[in-house]
Amino acid sequence: MAGEPTNRKPDAPLVVGLGGTTREGSSTELALRYALKEAEKAGAHTILFNGPSLMMPMYAPEVPHRTAEARELIAALRAADGIVIASPAYHGSISGLVKNALDYTEDMRNDAAAYLDGRAVGCITCAYGPQAAGTTLVALRSIVHALRGWPTPLGVGINSLTCRFSPNGGPSDGAVGDQLKIMATQVTQGAFAMRGGLAAAKEPDRLVSAS
């Protein structure tokens, strides 16, 4: 669920995790939680928005009202230095739940750092088979590009048929754990590297909101 940052070091970059399914504790959510823990080990502090916290109304740009959940998500993404997105594979692509959440970034279109600009973005997909994991990962990375984000060199596609997550969140396949660690480290390193430019880009937004 959405909540407070898990690590409060003042100089740590913020990495926002977004994804999962409508079912709390899904494999997709557990993979995301594992990646965020690795990001914390690499020096970030993190906030998680899991599937149940993303069950928002269908995004409609002509409707000005935003739910509290939508406002919280957009505020976190605006503050983020890095992002990790995790989606299940539904019919060969990302889920409607995750796509709808990403559609809300249209509210960031007029920001100085518009959409996901200037942010390192890690991508995770889970599918019951390797083909759908691959096609969904390609789709998710393409969406991140469209939103001006910087996908990490490594994206992680997980075959849920051969890799399970324990109740404490560890993957049964050590190679998957290694991939999630590498990807999370790349997000954190990218956040450290780009945060100066991102902060400068955000400065006009801060001045406008303060005026």
C-alpha atoms as a PDB file:
ATOM      1  CA  MET A   1       0.000   0.000   0.000  1.00  0.00           C
ATOM      2  CA  ALA A   2       1.067   3.609  -0.370  1.00  0.00           C
ATOM      3  CA  GLY A   3       2.857   4.918   2.662  1.00  0.00           C
ATOM      4  CA  GLU A   4       5.748   6.853   4.098  1.00  0.00           C
ATOM      5  CA  PRO A   5       9.281   6.486   2.727  1.00  0.00           C
ATOM      6  CA  THR A   6      10.988   3.459   4.213  1.00  0.00           C
ATOM      7  CA  ASN A   7      14.396   5.090   4.625  1.00  0.00           C
ATOM      8  CA  ARG A   8      14.712   8.699   5.775  1.00  0.00           C
ATOM      9  CA  LYS A   9      18.360   9.574   5.053  1.00  0.00           C
ATOM     10  CA  PRO A  10      18.162  13.231   4.017  1.00  0.00           C
ATOM     11  CA  ASP A  11      20.510  12.859   1.051  1.00  0.00           C
ATOM     12  CA  ALA A  12      18.958   9.647  -0.273  1.00  0.00           C
ATOM     13  CA  PRO A  13      17.120   9.770  -3.603  1.00  0.00           C
ATOM     14  CA  LEU A  14      13.448   8.829  -3.602  1.00  0.00           C
ATOM     15  CA  VAL A  15      12.495   5.757  -5.620  1.00  0.00           C
ATOM     16  CA  VAL A  16       8.761   5.229  -6.111  1.00  0.00           C
ATOM     17  CA  GLY A  17       7.484   1.715  -6.772  1.00  0.00           C
ATOM     18  CA  LEU A  18       4.250   1.354  -8.719  1.00  0.00           C
ATOM     19  CA  GLY A  19       2.484  -1.850  -9.701  1.00  0.00           C
ATOM     20  CA  GLY A  20       1.106  -5.215  -8.805  1.00  0.00           C
ATOM     21  CA  THR A  21      -2.357  -6.630  -9.352  1.00  0.00           C
ATOM     22  CA  THR A  22      -5.738  -6.126  -7.718  1.00  0.00           C
ATOM     23  CA  ARG A  23      -4.776  -8.997  -5.429  1.00  0.00           C
ATOM     24  CA  GLU A  24      -2.490  -7.873  -2.624  1.00  0.00           C
ATOM     25  CA  GLY A  25       0.609 -10.055  -2.319  1.00  0.00           C
ATOM     26  CA  SER A  26       0.704 -11.128  -5.979  1.00  0.00           C
ATOM     27  CA  SER A  27       3.960 -12.318  -7.551  1.00  0.00           C
ATOM     28  CA  THR A  28       4.211  -8.987  -9.355  1.00  0.00           C
ATOM     29  CA  GLU A  29       3.890  -7.072  -6.098  1.00  0.00           C
ATOM     30  CA  LEU A  30       6.412  -9.316  -4.338  1.00  0.00           C
ATOM     31  CA  ALA A  31       8.909  -8.790  -7.167  1.00  0.00           C
ATOM     32  CA  LEU A  32       8.388  -5.032  -6.855  1.00  0.00           C
ATOM     33  CA  ARG A  33       8.853  -5.124  -3.086  1.00  0.00           C
ATOM     34  CA  TYR A  34      12.053  -7.142  -3.524  1.00  0.00           C
ATOM     35  CA  ALA A  35      13.395  -4.578  -6.013  1.00  0.00           C
ATOM     36  CA  LEU A  36      12.583  -1.691  -3.670  1.00  0.00           C
ATOM     37  CA  LYS A  37      14.450  -3.420  -0.836  1.00  0.00           C
ATOM     38  CA  GLU A  38      17.466  -3.686  -3.135  1.00  0.00           C
ATOM     39  CA  ALA A  39      17.124  -0.003  -4.000  1.00  0.00           C
ATOM     40  CA  GLU A  40      17.209   0.791  -0.285  1.00  0.00           C
ATOM     41  CA  LYS A  41      20.400  -1.250   0.088  1.00  0.00           C
ATOM     42  CA  ALA A  42      21.867   0.831  -2.751  1.00  0.00           C
ATOM     43  CA  GLY A  43      21.097   4.047  -0.860  1.00  0.00           C
ATOM     44  CA  ALA A  44      17.558   5.079  -1.832  1.00  0.00           C
ATOM     45  CA  HIS A  45      14.461   5.581   0.231  1.00  0.00           C
ATOM     46  CA  THR A  46      11.288   4.186  -1.260  1.00  0.00           C
ATOM     47  CA  ILE A  47       7.513   4.461  -1.402  1.00  0.00           C
ATOM     48  CA  LEU A  48       5.303   1.639  -2.684  1.00  0.00           C
ATOM     49  CA  PHE A  49       1.985   1.970  -4.485  1.00  0.00           C
ATOM     50  CA  ASN A  50       0.723  -1.579  -4.837  1.00  0.00           C
ATOM     51  CA  GLY A  51      -2.225  -2.838  -6.870  1.00  0.00           C
ATOM     52  CA  PRO A  52      -5.031  -2.137  -4.365  1.00  0.00           C
ATOM     53  CA  SER A  53      -3.793   1.444  -3.912  1.00  0.00           C
ATOM     54  CA  LEU A  54      -3.900   1.938  -7.709  1.00  0.00           C
ATOM     55  CA  MET A  55      -7.581   1.076  -8.072  1.00  0.00           C
ATOM     56  CA  MET A  56      -8.541   4.567  -9.174  1.00  0.00           C
ATOM     57  CA  PRO A  57     -11.254   5.771 -11.571  1.00  0.00           C
ATOM     58  CA  MET A  58     -10.498   5.504 -15.273  1.00  0.00           C
ATOM     59  CA  TYR A  59      -8.313   8.463 -16.183  1.00  0.00           C
ATOM     60  CA  ALA A  60     -10.348  11.158 -17.947  1.00  0.00           C
ATOM     61  CA  PRO A  61      -8.477  14.375 -18.779  1.00  0.00           C
ATOM     62  CA  GLU A  62     -11.727  16.345 -19.075  1.00  0.00           C
ATOM     63  CA  VAL A  63     -12.677  15.485 -15.470  1.00  0.00           C
ATOM     64  CA  PRO A  64     -10.816  17.849 -13.094  1.00  0.00           C
ATOM     65  CA  HIS A  65     -11.613  15.969  -9.870  1.00  0.00           C
ATOM     66  CA  ARG A  66      -8.916  13.662  -8.565  1.00  0.00           C
ATOM     67  CA  THR A  67      -9.321  11.134  -5.788  1.00  0.00           C
ATOM     68  CA  ALA A  68      -7.036  11.273  -2.760  1.00  0.00           C
ATOM     69  CA  GLU A  69      -5.257   8.174  -4.097  1.00  0.00           C
ATOM     70  CA  ALA A  70      -4.586   9.840  -7.451  1.00  0.00           C
ATOM     71  CA  ARG A  71      -3.298  13.012  -5.810  1.00  0.00           C
ATOM     72  CA  GLU A  72      -0.986  10.991  -3.577  1.00  0.00           C
ATOM     73  CA  LEU A  73       0.397   9.032  -6.518  1.00  0.00           C
ATOM     74  CA  ILE A  74       1.082  12.108  -8.641  1.00  0.00           C
ATOM     75  CA  ALA A  75       2.680  13.941  -5.701  1.00  0.00           C
ATOM     76  CA  ALA A  76       5.013  10.993  -5.142  1.00  0.00           C
ATOM     77  CA  LEU A  77       5.928  10.743  -8.832  1.00  0.00           C
ATOM     78  CA  ARG A  78       6.650  14.476  -8.929  1.00  0.00           C
ATOM     79  CA  ALA A  79       8.993  14.067  -5.960  1.00  0.00           C
ATOM     80  CA  ALA A  80      10.607  10.890  -7.305  1.00  0.00           C
ATOM     81  CA  ASP A  81      14.215  10.711  -8.448  1.00  0.00           C
ATOM     82  CA  GLY A  82      13.703   7.162  -9.722  1.00  0.00           C
ATOM     83  CA  ILE A  83      10.778   4.826 -10.356  1.00  0.00           C
ATOM     84  CA  VAL A  84      10.203   1.079 -10.541  1.00  0.00           C
ATOM     85  CA  ILE A  85       7.111  -0.125 -12.417  1.00  0.00           C
ATOM     86  CA  ALA A  86       5.881  -3.711 -12.189  1.00  0.00           C
ATOM     87  CA  SER A  87       3.048  -5.171 -14.261  1.00  0.00           C
ATOM     88  CA  PRO A  88       1.566  -8.607 -14.774  1.00  0.00           C
ATOM     89  CA  ALA A  89       1.230  -9.765 -18.366  1.00  0.00           C
ATOM     90  CA  TYR A  90      -2.409  -9.650 -19.402  1.00  0.00           C
ATOM     91  CA  HIS A  91      -2.999 -10.911 -22.938  1.00  0.00           C
ATOM     92  CA  GLY A  92       0.533 -10.081 -23.997  1.00  0.00           C
ATOM     93  CA  SER A  93       0.778  -6.562 -22.576  1.00  0.00           C
ATOM     94  CA  ILE A  94       0.579  -4.583 -19.343  1.00  0.00           C
ATOM     95  CA  SER A  95      -2.538  -4.664 -17.210  1.00  0.00           C
ATOM     96  CA  GLY A  96      -5.258  -2.036 -17.417  1.00  0.00           C
ATOM     97  CA  LEU A  97      -4.658  -1.253 -13.736  1.00  0.00           C
ATOM     98  CA  VAL A  98      -1.029  -0.262 -14.323  1.00  0.00           C
ATOM     99  CA  LYS A  99      -1.755   1.503 -17.618  1.00  0.00           C
ATOM    100  CA  ASN A 100      -4.492   3.574 -15.993  1.00  0.00           C
ATOM    101  CA  ALA A 101      -2.124   4.602 -13.187  1.00  0.00           C
ATOM    102  CA  LEU A 102       0.465   5.676 -15.739  1.00  0.00           C
ATOM    103  CA  ASP A 103      -2.190   7.602 -17.667  1.00  0.00           C
ATOM    104  CA  TYR A 104      -2.557   9.830 -14.617  1.00  0.00           C
ATOM    105  CA  THR A 105       0.926  11.191 -15.337  1.00  0.00           C
ATOM    106  CA  GLU A 106      -0.843  13.302 -17.964  1.00  0.00           C
ATOM    107  CA  ASP A 107      -1.471  15.616 -14.997  1.00  0.00           C
ATOM    108  CA  MET A 108       2.302  16.214 -15.053  1.00  0.00           C
ATOM    109  CA  ARG A 109       2.385  17.313 -18.694  1.00  0.00           C
ATOM    110  CA  ASN A 110       2.957  20.988 -17.855  1.00  0.00           C
ATOM    111  CA  ASP A 111       5.581  20.343 -15.181  1.00  0.00           C
ATOM    112  CA  ALA A 112       9.085  21.619 -15.897  1.00  0.00           C
ATOM    113  CA  ALA A 113      10.124  17.958 -15.617  1.00  0.00           C
ATOM    114  CA  ALA A 114       7.143  16.714 -17.601  1.00  0.00           C
ATOM    115  CA  TYR A 115       5.794  13.202 -17.172  1.00  0.00           C
ATOM    116  CA  LEU A 116       8.763  11.001 -16.102  1.00  0.00           C
ATOM    117  CA  ASP A 117      11.450  13.235 -17.587  1.00  0.00           C
ATOM    118  CA  GLY A 118      14.811  13.064 -15.838  1.00  0.00           C
ATOM    119  CA  ARG A 119      13.971   9.937 -13.877  1.00  0.00           C
ATOM    120  CA  ALA A 120      15.591   6.507 -14.092  1.00  0.00           C
ATOM    121  CA  VAL A 121      12.863   3.874 -14.472  1.00  0.00           C
ATOM    122  CA  GLY A 122      13.176   0.159 -13.826  1.00  0.00           C
ATOM    123  CA  CYS A 123      10.648  -2.200 -15.457  1.00  0.00           C
ATOM    124  CA  ILE A 124       9.435  -5.568 -14.145  1.00  0.00           C
ATOM    125  CA  THR A 125       6.931  -7.926 -15.733  1.00  0.00           C
ATOM    126  CA  CYS A 126       5.508 -11.230 -14.516  1.00  0.00           C
ATOM    127  CA  ALA A 127       3.820 -13.834 -16.700  1.00  0.00           C
ATOM    128  CA  TYR A 128       2.976 -17.511 -16.600  1.00  0.00           C
ATOM    129  CA  GLY A 129       5.415 -18.225 -19.419  1.00  0.00           C
ATOM    130  CA  PRO A 130       8.416 -16.527 -21.035  1.00  0.00           C
ATOM    131  CA  GLN A 131       6.769 -15.175 -24.190  1.00  0.00           C
ATOM    132  CA  ALA A 132       4.229 -12.923 -22.482  1.00  0.00           C
ATOM    133  CA  ALA A 133       6.856 -11.715 -19.999  1.00  0.00           C
ATOM    134  CA  GLY A 134       8.990 -10.599 -22.934  1.00  0.00           C
ATOM    135  CA  THR A 135       6.262  -8.880 -24.947  1.00  0.00           C
ATOM    136  CA  THR A 136       4.942  -7.125 -21.854  1.00  0.00           C
ATOM    137  CA  LEU A 137       8.422  -5.909 -20.931  1.00  0.00           C
ATOM    138  CA  VAL A 138       8.842  -4.420 -24.415  1.00  0.00           C
ATOM    139  CA  ALA A 139       5.450  -2.692 -24.113  1.00  0.00           C
ATOM    140  CA  LEU A 140       6.245  -1.302 -20.666  1.00  0.00           C
ATOM    141  CA  ARG A 141       9.639   0.023 -21.730  1.00  0.00           C
ATOM    142  CA  SER A 142       8.013   1.656 -24.774  1.00  0.00           C
ATOM    143  CA  ILE A 143       5.493   3.410 -22.513  1.00  0.00           C
ATOM    144  CA  VAL A 144       8.313   4.672 -20.295  1.00  0.00           C
ATOM    145  CA  HIS A 145      10.057   6.075 -23.374  1.00  0.00           C
ATOM    146  CA  ALA A 146       6.814   7.782 -24.424  1.00  0.00           C
ATOM    147  CA  LEU A 147       6.622   9.358 -20.973  1.00  0.00           C
ATOM    148  CA  ARG A 148      10.203  10.668 -21.375  1.00  0.00           C
ATOM    149  CA  GLY A 149      11.571   8.383 -18.671  1.00  0.00           C
ATOM    150  CA  TRP A 150      14.961   6.696 -18.842  1.00  0.00           C
ATOM    151  CA  PRO A 151      14.509   2.898 -18.717  1.00  0.00           C
ATOM    152  CA  THR A 152      17.421   1.156 -17.045  1.00  0.00           C
ATOM    153  CA  PRO A 153      19.645  -0.963 -19.296  1.00  0.00           C
ATOM    154  CA  LEU A 154      18.258  -4.073 -17.602  1.00  0.00           C
ATOM    155  CA  GLY A 155      14.541  -4.789 -17.475  1.00  0.00           C
ATOM    156  CA  VAL A 156      13.335  -7.929 -15.688  1.00  0.00           C
ATOM    157  CA  GLY A 157      10.812 -10.334 -17.194  1.00  0.00           C
ATOM    158  CA  ILE A 158       9.852 -13.083 -14.734  1.00  0.00           C
ATOM    159  CA  ASN A 159       8.371 -16.424 -15.698  1.00  0.00           C
ATOM    160  CA  SER A 160       6.036 -17.208 -12.795  1.00  0.00           C
ATOM    161  CA  LEU A 161       5.883 -20.835 -13.947  1.00  0.00           C
ATOM    162  CA  THR A 162       9.496 -21.389 -12.895  1.00  0.00           C
ATOM    163  CA  CYS A 163      10.034 -18.672 -10.270  1.00  0.00           C
ATOM    164  CA  ARG A 164       7.941 -18.286  -7.152  1.00  0.00           C
ATOM    165  CA  PHE A 165       8.227 -15.772  -4.324  1.00  0.00           C
ATOM    166  CA  SER A 166       8.189 -16.882  -0.714  1.00  0.00           C
ATOM    167  CA  PRO A 167       5.919 -15.203   1.859  1.00  0.00           C
ATOM    168  CA  ASN A 168       8.929 -13.112   2.969  1.00  0.00           C
ATOM    169  CA  GLY A 169       9.440 -11.965  -0.616  1.00  0.00           C
ATOM    170  CA  GLY A 170      12.471 -13.910  -1.795  1.00  0.00           C
ATOM    171  CA  PRO A 171      12.469 -15.396  -5.335  1.00  0.00           C
ATOM    172  CA  SER A 172      12.999 -19.120  -5.705  1.00  0.00           C
ATOM    173  CA  ASP A 173      15.231 -18.506  -8.730  1.00  0.00           C
ATOM    174  CA  GLY A 174      18.514 -16.927  -7.670  1.00  0.00           C
ATOM    175  CA  ALA A 175      19.089 -15.528 -11.157  1.00  0.00           C
ATOM    176  CA  VAL A 176      15.840 -13.541 -10.890  1.00  0.00           C
ATOM    177  CA  GLY A 177      16.968 -12.154  -7.553  1.00  0.00           C
ATOM    178  CA  ASP A 178      20.265 -11.105  -9.115  1.00  0.00           C
ATOM    179  CA  GLN A 179      18.470  -9.405 -12.010  1.00  0.00           C
ATOM    180  CA  LEU A 180      16.152  -7.491  -9.682  1.00  0.00           C
ATOM    181  CA  LYS A 181      19.165  -6.381  -7.634  1.00  0.00           C
ATOM    182  CA  ILE A 182      21.033  -5.160 -10.724  1.00  0.00           C
ATOM    183  CA  MET A 183      17.988  -3.313 -12.047  1.00  0.00           C
ATOM    184  CA  ALA A 184      17.243  -1.696  -8.670  1.00  0.00           C
ATOM    185  CA  THR A 185      20.871  -0.635  -8.320  1.00  0.00           C
ATOM    186  CA  GLN A 186      20.768   0.881 -11.802  1.00  0.00           C
ATOM    187  CA  VAL A 187      17.641   2.857 -10.853  1.00  0.00           C
ATOM    188  CA  THR A 188      19.304   4.149  -7.690  1.00  0.00           C
ATOM    189  CA  GLN A 189      22.583   4.994  -9.409  1.00  0.00           C
ATOM    190  CA  GLY A 190      20.643   6.749 -12.179  1.00  0.00           C
ATOM    191  CA  ALA A 191      18.665   8.679  -9.574  1.00  0.00           C
ATOM    192  CA  PHE A 192      21.878   9.817  -7.886  1.00  0.00           C
ATOM    193  CA  ALA A 193      23.403  10.784 -11.242  1.00  0.00           C
ATOM    194  CA  MET A 194      20.405  12.715 -12.592  1.00  0.00           C
ATOM    195  CA  ARG A 195      18.972  14.231  -9.431  1.00  0.00           C
ATOM    196  CA  GLY A 196      20.877  17.524  -9.819  1.00  0.00           C
ATOM    197  CA  GLY A 197      19.435  18.183 -13.247  1.00  0.00           C
ATOM    198  CA  LEU A 198      16.007  17.000 -12.157  1.00  0.00           C
ATOM    199  CA  ALA A 199      16.046  19.292  -9.129  1.00  0.00           C
ATOM    200  CA  ALA A 200      16.962  22.232 -11.358  1.00  0.00           C
ATOM    201  CA  ALA A 201      14.115  21.368 -13.719  1.00  0.00           C
ATOM    202  CA  LYS A 202      11.655  21.137 -10.832  1.00  0.00           C
ATOM    203  CA  GLU A 203      12.704  24.508  -9.408  1.00  0.00           C
ATOM    204  CA  PRO A 204      10.356  26.601 -11.606  1.00  0.00           C
ATOM    205  CA  ASP A 205       7.446  24.394 -10.465  1.00  0.00           C
ATOM    206  CA  ARG A 206       8.361  25.027  -6.840  1.00  0.00           C
ATOM    207  CA  LEU A 207       8.615  28.768  -7.374  1.00  0.00           C
ATOM    208  CA  VAL A 208       5.277  28.892  -9.157  1.00  0.00           C
ATOM    209  CA  SER A 209       3.548  26.906  -6.416  1.00  0.00           C
ATOM    210  CA  ALA A 210       5.072  29.175  -3.769  1.00  0.00           C
ATOM    211  CA  SER A 211       4.049  32.414  -5.492  1.00  0.00           C
END
